């Protein structure tokens, strides 16, 4: 048993979910074309390539390969999303008032309905 395994007896799933868990460097070889595929997939998921490889290997070992790897966002990205949300909310509120004042209430309700439908669909896609 590896020293890191002896020091931490948690399961692999628990290990991937814990911050600050000791991890040890491992060596694995990829052809350039294979690594390019890994990097492209990691970019699509918004995670580092190493995390994609680690998550995929652990998922395969735990027989849960069909699950998508968890996406991670930096604190800067989270702050950017929050600021953009606030800006869009203010602009949408102002535009809603303008549309209502101009007698376009039905259009406003249709837009709100479409937004709620989209939000519901996205929330259904989110992992439980």
N, C-alpha and C. Protein backbone atom coordinates (compact mmCIF):
# COMPACT_ATOMS: atom_id res chain seq x y z
N UNK A 1 0.85 -1.18 0.00
CA UNK A 1 0.00 0.00 0.00
C UNK A 1 0.89 1.23 0.00
N UNK A 2 0.54 2.23 -0.81
CA UNK A 2 1.34 3.44 -0.89
C UNK A 2 1.23 4.24 0.40
N UNK A 3 2.27 5.02 0.69
CA UNK A 3 2.29 5.80 1.92
C UNK A 3 1.08 6.73 1.99
N UNK A 4 0.73 7.39 0.88
CA UNK A 4 -0.43 8.28 0.86
C UNK A 4 -1.71 7.55 1.17
N UNK A 5 -1.81 6.27 0.73
CA UNK A 5 -2.99 5.47 1.02
C UNK A 5 -3.06 5.12 2.50
N UNK A 6 -1.89 4.85 3.11
CA UNK A 6 -1.87 4.51 4.53
C UNK A 6 -2.26 5.71 5.39
N UNK A 7 -1.82 6.89 4.98
CA UNK A 7 -2.11 8.09 5.76
C UNK A 7 -3.57 8.51 5.65
N UNK A 8 -4.22 8.13 4.56
CA UNK A 8 -5.59 8.56 4.34
C UNK A 8 -6.40 7.37 3.87
N UNK A 9 -7.24 6.85 4.73
CA UNK A 9 -7.98 5.63 4.41
C UNK A 9 -9.35 5.92 3.82
N UNK A 10 -9.61 7.12 3.34
CA UNK A 10 -10.90 7.43 2.74
C UNK A 10 -11.02 6.73 1.40
N UNK A 11 -12.26 6.58 0.92
CA UNK A 11 -12.45 5.97 -0.40
C UNK A 11 -12.05 6.96 -1.48
N UNK A 12 -11.93 6.47 -2.71
CA UNK A 12 -11.52 7.33 -3.82
C UNK A 12 -12.53 8.45 -4.04
N UNK A 13 -13.82 8.15 -3.91
CA UNK A 13 -14.83 9.19 -4.09
C UNK A 13 -14.66 10.28 -3.05
N UNK A 14 -14.46 9.88 -1.80
CA UNK A 14 -14.26 10.86 -0.75
C UNK A 14 -12.99 11.66 -1.00
N UNK A 15 -11.95 10.98 -1.47
CA UNK A 15 -10.67 11.65 -1.71
C UNK A 15 -10.83 12.74 -2.76
N UNK A 16 -11.57 12.46 -3.83
CA UNK A 16 -11.72 13.46 -4.89
C UNK A 16 -12.56 14.64 -4.43
N UNK A 17 -13.34 14.46 -3.38
CA UNK A 17 -14.20 15.54 -2.91
C UNK A 17 -13.56 16.36 -1.80
N UNK A 18 -12.47 15.89 -1.23
CA UNK A 18 -11.84 16.58 -0.11
C UNK A 18 -10.75 17.53 -0.61
N UNK A 19 -10.71 18.70 -0.02
CA UNK A 19 -9.63 19.63 -0.32
C UNK A 19 -8.50 19.38 0.66
N UNK A 20 -7.29 19.57 0.21
CA UNK A 20 -6.15 19.43 1.09
C UNK A 20 -5.71 18.00 1.33
N UNK A 21 -6.31 17.04 0.63
CA UNK A 21 -5.90 15.65 0.78
C UNK A 21 -4.56 15.48 0.07
N UNK A 22 -3.63 14.81 0.72
CA UNK A 22 -2.31 14.62 0.12
C UNK A 22 -2.43 13.78 -1.14
N UNK A 23 -1.87 14.27 -2.22
CA UNK A 23 -1.81 13.53 -3.47
C UNK A 23 -0.36 13.42 -3.85
N UNK A 24 -0.01 12.29 -4.46
CA UNK A 24 1.37 12.04 -4.83
C UNK A 24 1.49 12.03 -6.35
N UNK A 25 2.57 12.60 -6.89
CA UNK A 25 2.73 12.61 -8.34
C UNK A 25 2.85 11.19 -8.89
N UNK A 26 2.24 10.95 -10.01
CA UNK A 26 2.31 9.67 -10.69
C UNK A 26 2.75 9.94 -12.13
N UNK A 27 3.31 8.96 -12.75
CA UNK A 27 3.77 9.11 -14.12
C UNK A 27 2.88 8.30 -15.05
N UNK A 28 2.46 8.92 -16.14
CA UNK A 28 1.66 8.25 -17.14
C UNK A 28 2.07 8.81 -18.49
N UNK A 29 2.13 7.97 -19.49
CA UNK A 29 2.59 8.41 -20.80
C UNK A 29 1.42 8.53 -21.76
N UNK A 30 1.44 9.61 -22.56
CA UNK A 30 0.46 9.85 -23.61
C UNK A 30 1.21 10.21 -24.88
N UNK A 31 0.68 9.79 -26.01
CA UNK A 31 1.17 10.31 -27.29
C UNK A 31 0.68 11.75 -27.39
N UNK A 32 1.36 12.58 -28.17
CA UNK A 32 0.94 13.97 -28.31
C UNK A 32 -0.52 14.06 -28.77
N UNK A 33 -0.91 13.22 -29.70
CA UNK A 33 -2.29 13.26 -30.20
C UNK A 33 -3.28 12.89 -29.10
N UNK A 34 -2.93 11.93 -28.24
CA UNK A 34 -3.81 11.55 -27.13
C UNK A 34 -3.92 12.68 -26.12
N UNK A 35 -2.79 13.30 -25.78
CA UNK A 35 -2.80 14.39 -24.80
C UNK A 35 -3.59 15.58 -25.33
N UNK A 36 -3.49 15.84 -26.63
CA UNK A 36 -4.28 16.92 -27.23
C UNK A 36 -5.77 16.66 -27.05
N UNK A 37 -6.20 15.41 -27.22
CA UNK A 37 -7.61 15.06 -26.99
C UNK A 37 -8.00 15.30 -25.54
N UNK A 38 -7.12 14.91 -24.62
CA UNK A 38 -7.39 15.11 -23.19
C UNK A 38 -7.51 16.61 -22.90
N UNK A 39 -6.59 17.40 -23.42
CA UNK A 39 -6.62 18.85 -23.17
C UNK A 39 -7.88 19.49 -23.76
N UNK A 40 -8.28 19.05 -24.93
CA UNK A 40 -9.50 19.60 -25.53
C UNK A 40 -10.73 19.26 -24.70
N UNK A 41 -10.80 18.01 -24.23
CA UNK A 41 -11.93 17.60 -23.39
C UNK A 41 -11.94 18.38 -22.08
N UNK A 42 -10.77 18.56 -21.49
CA UNK A 42 -10.67 19.31 -20.23
C UNK A 42 -11.12 20.76 -20.44
N UNK A 43 -10.73 21.34 -21.55
CA UNK A 43 -11.13 22.72 -21.87
C UNK A 43 -12.65 22.81 -22.00
N UNK A 44 -13.26 21.82 -22.66
CA UNK A 44 -14.73 21.82 -22.80
C UNK A 44 -15.42 21.74 -21.44
N UNK A 45 -14.80 21.04 -20.50
CA UNK A 45 -15.40 20.88 -19.17
C UNK A 45 -14.95 21.97 -18.19
N UNK A 46 -14.02 22.81 -18.61
CA UNK A 46 -13.57 23.90 -17.74
C UNK A 46 -12.71 23.45 -16.58
N UNK A 47 -11.96 22.37 -16.77
CA UNK A 47 -11.10 21.87 -15.71
C UNK A 47 -9.71 21.60 -16.26
N UNK A 48 -8.70 21.54 -15.40
CA UNK A 48 -7.35 21.21 -15.86
C UNK A 48 -7.30 19.78 -16.41
N UNK A 49 -6.40 19.54 -17.35
CA UNK A 49 -6.26 18.22 -17.97
C UNK A 49 -5.94 17.14 -16.93
N UNK A 50 -5.08 17.44 -15.98
CA UNK A 50 -4.74 16.46 -14.95
C UNK A 50 -5.96 16.06 -14.13
N UNK A 51 -6.82 17.04 -13.83
CA UNK A 51 -8.03 16.73 -13.07
C UNK A 51 -8.96 15.86 -13.90
N UNK A 52 -9.05 16.11 -15.20
CA UNK A 52 -9.88 15.29 -16.06
C UNK A 52 -9.39 13.84 -16.06
N UNK A 53 -8.09 13.66 -16.20
CA UNK A 53 -7.51 12.31 -16.20
C UNK A 53 -7.76 11.63 -14.86
N UNK A 54 -7.50 12.33 -13.75
CA UNK A 54 -7.70 11.77 -12.41
C UNK A 54 -9.17 11.41 -12.19
N UNK A 55 -10.06 12.33 -12.51
CA UNK A 55 -11.49 12.10 -12.31
C UNK A 55 -11.98 10.94 -13.16
N UNK A 56 -11.53 10.90 -14.42
CA UNK A 56 -11.94 9.81 -15.31
C UNK A 56 -11.44 8.46 -14.85
N UNK A 57 -10.19 8.41 -14.41
CA UNK A 57 -9.62 7.14 -13.95
C UNK A 57 -10.34 6.66 -12.69
N UNK A 58 -10.62 7.56 -11.77
CA UNK A 58 -11.32 7.17 -10.53
C UNK A 58 -12.75 6.76 -10.85
N UNK A 59 -13.40 7.48 -11.76
CA UNK A 59 -14.77 7.12 -12.15
C UNK A 59 -14.81 5.73 -12.76
N UNK A 60 -13.84 5.41 -13.61
CA UNK A 60 -13.78 4.08 -14.21
C UNK A 60 -13.54 3.03 -13.14
N UNK A 61 -12.65 3.30 -12.22
CA UNK A 61 -12.35 2.35 -11.14
C UNK A 61 -13.57 2.13 -10.25
N UNK A 62 -14.36 3.16 -10.05
CA UNK A 62 -15.56 3.06 -9.19
C UNK A 62 -16.81 2.70 -9.99
N UNK A 63 -16.63 2.40 -11.27
CA UNK A 63 -17.73 2.02 -12.16
C UNK A 63 -18.83 3.06 -12.22
N UNK A 64 -18.44 4.30 -12.33
CA UNK A 64 -19.39 5.41 -12.50
C UNK A 64 -18.89 6.31 -13.61
N UNK A 65 -18.39 5.70 -14.68
CA UNK A 65 -17.76 6.45 -15.77
C UNK A 65 -18.73 7.37 -16.49
N UNK A 66 -20.02 7.05 -16.50
CA UNK A 66 -21.00 7.87 -17.22
C UNK A 66 -21.20 9.25 -16.63
N UNK A 67 -20.72 9.49 -15.42
CA UNK A 67 -20.90 10.78 -14.77
C UNK A 67 -19.91 11.79 -15.31
N UNK A 68 -20.36 13.01 -15.51
CA UNK A 68 -19.47 14.06 -15.98
C UNK A 68 -18.54 14.50 -14.86
N UNK A 69 -17.30 14.89 -15.18
CA UNK A 69 -16.41 15.38 -14.13
C UNK A 69 -16.92 16.71 -13.59
N UNK A 70 -16.69 16.94 -12.32
CA UNK A 70 -17.17 18.20 -11.74
C UNK A 70 -16.43 19.39 -12.35
N UNK A 71 -17.19 20.40 -12.68
CA UNK A 71 -16.59 21.63 -13.21
C UNK A 71 -16.13 22.48 -12.03
N UNK A 72 -15.01 23.11 -12.20
CA UNK A 72 -14.52 23.99 -11.15
C UNK A 72 -14.38 25.39 -11.70
N UNK A 73 -14.76 26.36 -10.91
CA UNK A 73 -14.62 27.76 -11.28
C UNK A 73 -13.75 28.44 -10.25
N UNK A 74 -12.87 29.28 -10.72
CA UNK A 74 -12.02 30.03 -9.81
C UNK A 74 -12.85 31.09 -9.10
N UNK A 75 -12.37 31.60 -7.97
CA UNK A 75 -13.08 32.69 -7.29
C UNK A 75 -13.27 33.90 -8.21
N UNK A 76 -12.30 34.16 -9.08
CA UNK A 76 -12.44 35.26 -10.03
C UNK A 76 -13.58 35.05 -11.00
N UNK A 77 -13.73 33.82 -11.50
CA UNK A 77 -14.83 33.51 -12.40
C UNK A 77 -16.17 33.64 -11.68
N UNK A 78 -16.23 33.16 -10.45
CA UNK A 78 -17.47 33.28 -9.68
C UNK A 78 -17.85 34.74 -9.46
N UNK A 79 -16.87 35.58 -9.15
CA UNK A 79 -17.12 37.00 -8.96
C UNK A 79 -17.59 37.64 -10.27
N UNK A 80 -16.97 37.25 -11.37
CA UNK A 80 -17.39 37.79 -12.68
C UNK A 80 -18.82 37.40 -12.98
N UNK A 81 -19.19 36.15 -12.73
CA UNK A 81 -20.56 35.70 -12.97
C UNK A 81 -21.54 36.49 -12.11
N UNK A 82 -21.19 36.71 -10.85
CA UNK A 82 -22.07 37.47 -9.95
C UNK A 82 -22.25 38.91 -10.43
N UNK A 83 -21.16 39.55 -10.84
CA UNK A 83 -21.26 40.94 -11.32
C UNK A 83 -22.08 41.02 -12.61
N UNK A 84 -21.88 40.06 -13.50
CA UNK A 84 -22.64 40.06 -14.75
C UNK A 84 -24.12 39.82 -14.47
N UNK A 85 -24.42 38.92 -13.54
CA UNK A 85 -25.81 38.66 -13.18
C UNK A 85 -26.47 39.94 -12.65
N UNK A 86 -25.78 40.64 -11.76
CA UNK A 86 -26.34 41.88 -11.20
C UNK A 86 -26.59 42.92 -12.29
N UNK A 87 -25.64 43.04 -13.22
CA UNK A 87 -25.77 44.00 -14.31
C UNK A 87 -26.97 43.63 -15.19
N UNK A 88 -27.07 42.37 -15.56
CA UNK A 88 -28.18 41.92 -16.41
C UNK A 88 -29.51 42.11 -15.69
N UNK A 89 -29.53 41.86 -14.39
CA UNK A 89 -30.77 42.03 -13.62
C UNK A 89 -31.22 43.50 -13.65
N UNK A 90 -30.29 44.40 -13.42
CA UNK A 90 -30.64 45.84 -13.44
C UNK A 90 -31.12 46.24 -14.83
N UNK A 91 -30.40 45.83 -15.86
CA UNK A 91 -30.79 46.20 -17.23
C UNK A 91 -32.14 45.59 -17.59
N UNK A 92 -32.38 44.35 -17.20
CA UNK A 92 -33.66 43.71 -17.50
C UNK A 92 -34.81 44.40 -16.77
N UNK A 93 -34.57 44.82 -15.53
CA UNK A 93 -35.60 45.54 -14.78
C UNK A 93 -35.95 46.86 -15.45
N UNK A 94 -34.92 47.60 -15.87
CA UNK A 94 -35.17 48.87 -16.56
C UNK A 94 -35.91 48.65 -17.88
N UNK A 95 -35.50 47.66 -18.63
CA UNK A 95 -36.15 47.38 -19.91
C UNK A 95 -37.58 46.90 -19.70
N UNK A 96 -37.83 46.12 -18.67
CA UNK A 96 -39.19 45.66 -18.36
C UNK A 96 -40.10 46.85 -18.10
N UNK A 97 -39.63 47.78 -17.29
CA UNK A 97 -40.43 48.97 -17.00
C UNK A 97 -40.73 49.76 -18.28
N UNK A 98 -39.73 49.91 -19.13
CA UNK A 98 -39.91 50.65 -20.39
C UNK A 98 -40.93 49.95 -21.28
N UNK A 99 -40.86 48.63 -21.39
CA UNK A 99 -41.80 47.88 -22.22
C UNK A 99 -43.22 47.96 -21.66
N UNK A 100 -43.36 47.87 -20.34
CA UNK A 100 -44.69 47.97 -19.74
C UNK A 100 -45.29 49.35 -19.97
N UNK A 101 -44.47 50.38 -19.83
CA UNK A 101 -44.95 51.75 -20.05
C UNK A 101 -45.38 51.98 -21.50
N UNK A 102 -44.78 51.25 -22.43
CA UNK A 102 -45.13 51.43 -23.85
C UNK A 102 -46.24 50.47 -24.29
N UNK A 103 -46.88 49.78 -23.32
CA UNK A 103 -48.01 48.91 -23.64
C UNK A 103 -47.61 47.56 -24.22
N UNK A 104 -46.41 47.11 -23.95
CA UNK A 104 -45.95 45.83 -24.50
C UNK A 104 -45.87 44.75 -23.42
N UNK A 105 -46.87 44.77 -22.54
CA UNK A 105 -46.92 43.82 -21.42
C UNK A 105 -46.95 42.37 -21.86
N UNK A 106 -47.68 42.08 -22.97
CA UNK A 106 -47.74 40.69 -23.45
C UNK A 106 -46.36 40.21 -23.88
N UNK A 107 -45.59 41.08 -24.50
CA UNK A 107 -44.24 40.73 -24.93
C UNK A 107 -43.34 40.45 -23.71
N UNK A 108 -43.50 41.27 -22.68
CA UNK A 108 -42.73 41.08 -21.45
C UNK A 108 -43.07 39.72 -20.83
N UNK A 109 -44.35 39.40 -20.76
CA UNK A 109 -44.76 38.12 -20.17
C UNK A 109 -44.24 36.94 -20.99
N UNK A 110 -44.22 37.07 -22.32
CA UNK A 110 -43.70 36.00 -23.17
C UNK A 110 -42.20 35.80 -22.92
N UNK A 111 -41.45 36.89 -22.78
CA UNK A 111 -40.02 36.80 -22.50
C UNK A 111 -39.76 36.15 -21.14
N UNK A 112 -40.53 36.56 -20.15
CA UNK A 112 -40.37 35.99 -18.80
C UNK A 112 -40.70 34.51 -18.83
N UNK A 113 -41.76 34.13 -19.53
CA UNK A 113 -42.13 32.72 -19.64
C UNK A 113 -41.04 31.89 -20.31
N UNK A 114 -40.45 32.43 -21.38
CA UNK A 114 -39.38 31.71 -22.07
C UNK A 114 -38.16 31.56 -21.16
N UNK A 115 -37.85 32.60 -20.40
CA UNK A 115 -36.72 32.54 -19.48
C UNK A 115 -36.96 31.50 -18.39
N UNK A 116 -38.17 31.45 -17.86
CA UNK A 116 -38.49 30.46 -16.81
C UNK A 116 -38.41 29.04 -17.37
N UNK A 117 -38.89 28.85 -18.60
CA UNK A 117 -38.84 27.52 -19.22
C UNK A 117 -37.38 27.08 -19.41
N UNK A 118 -36.54 27.98 -19.91
CA UNK A 118 -35.13 27.67 -20.12
C UNK A 118 -34.45 27.36 -18.79
N UNK A 119 -34.73 28.16 -17.77
CA UNK A 119 -34.15 27.92 -16.46
C UNK A 119 -34.56 26.56 -15.92
N UNK A 120 -35.81 26.19 -16.09
CA UNK A 120 -36.30 24.89 -15.63
C UNK A 120 -35.58 23.76 -16.36
N UNK A 121 -35.39 23.90 -17.67
CA UNK A 121 -34.68 22.87 -18.44
C UNK A 121 -33.23 22.75 -17.99
N UNK A 122 -32.57 23.86 -17.75
CA UNK A 122 -31.18 23.83 -17.32
C UNK A 122 -31.07 23.20 -15.94
N UNK A 123 -31.98 23.52 -15.05
CA UNK A 123 -31.94 22.96 -13.70
C UNK A 123 -32.18 21.46 -13.73
N UNK A 124 -32.99 20.96 -14.67
CA UNK A 124 -33.21 19.52 -14.79
C UNK A 124 -31.94 18.82 -15.25
N UNK A 125 -31.08 19.51 -16.03
CA UNK A 125 -29.84 18.94 -16.51
C UNK A 125 -28.78 18.86 -15.42
N UNK A 126 -28.90 19.73 -14.42
CA UNK A 126 -27.88 19.80 -13.37
C UNK A 126 -27.87 18.51 -12.58
N UNK A 127 -26.65 18.02 -12.21
CA UNK A 127 -26.59 16.80 -11.40
C UNK A 127 -27.18 17.00 -10.04
N UNK A 128 -27.80 15.98 -9.54
CA UNK A 128 -28.46 16.07 -8.22
C UNK A 128 -27.46 16.00 -7.11
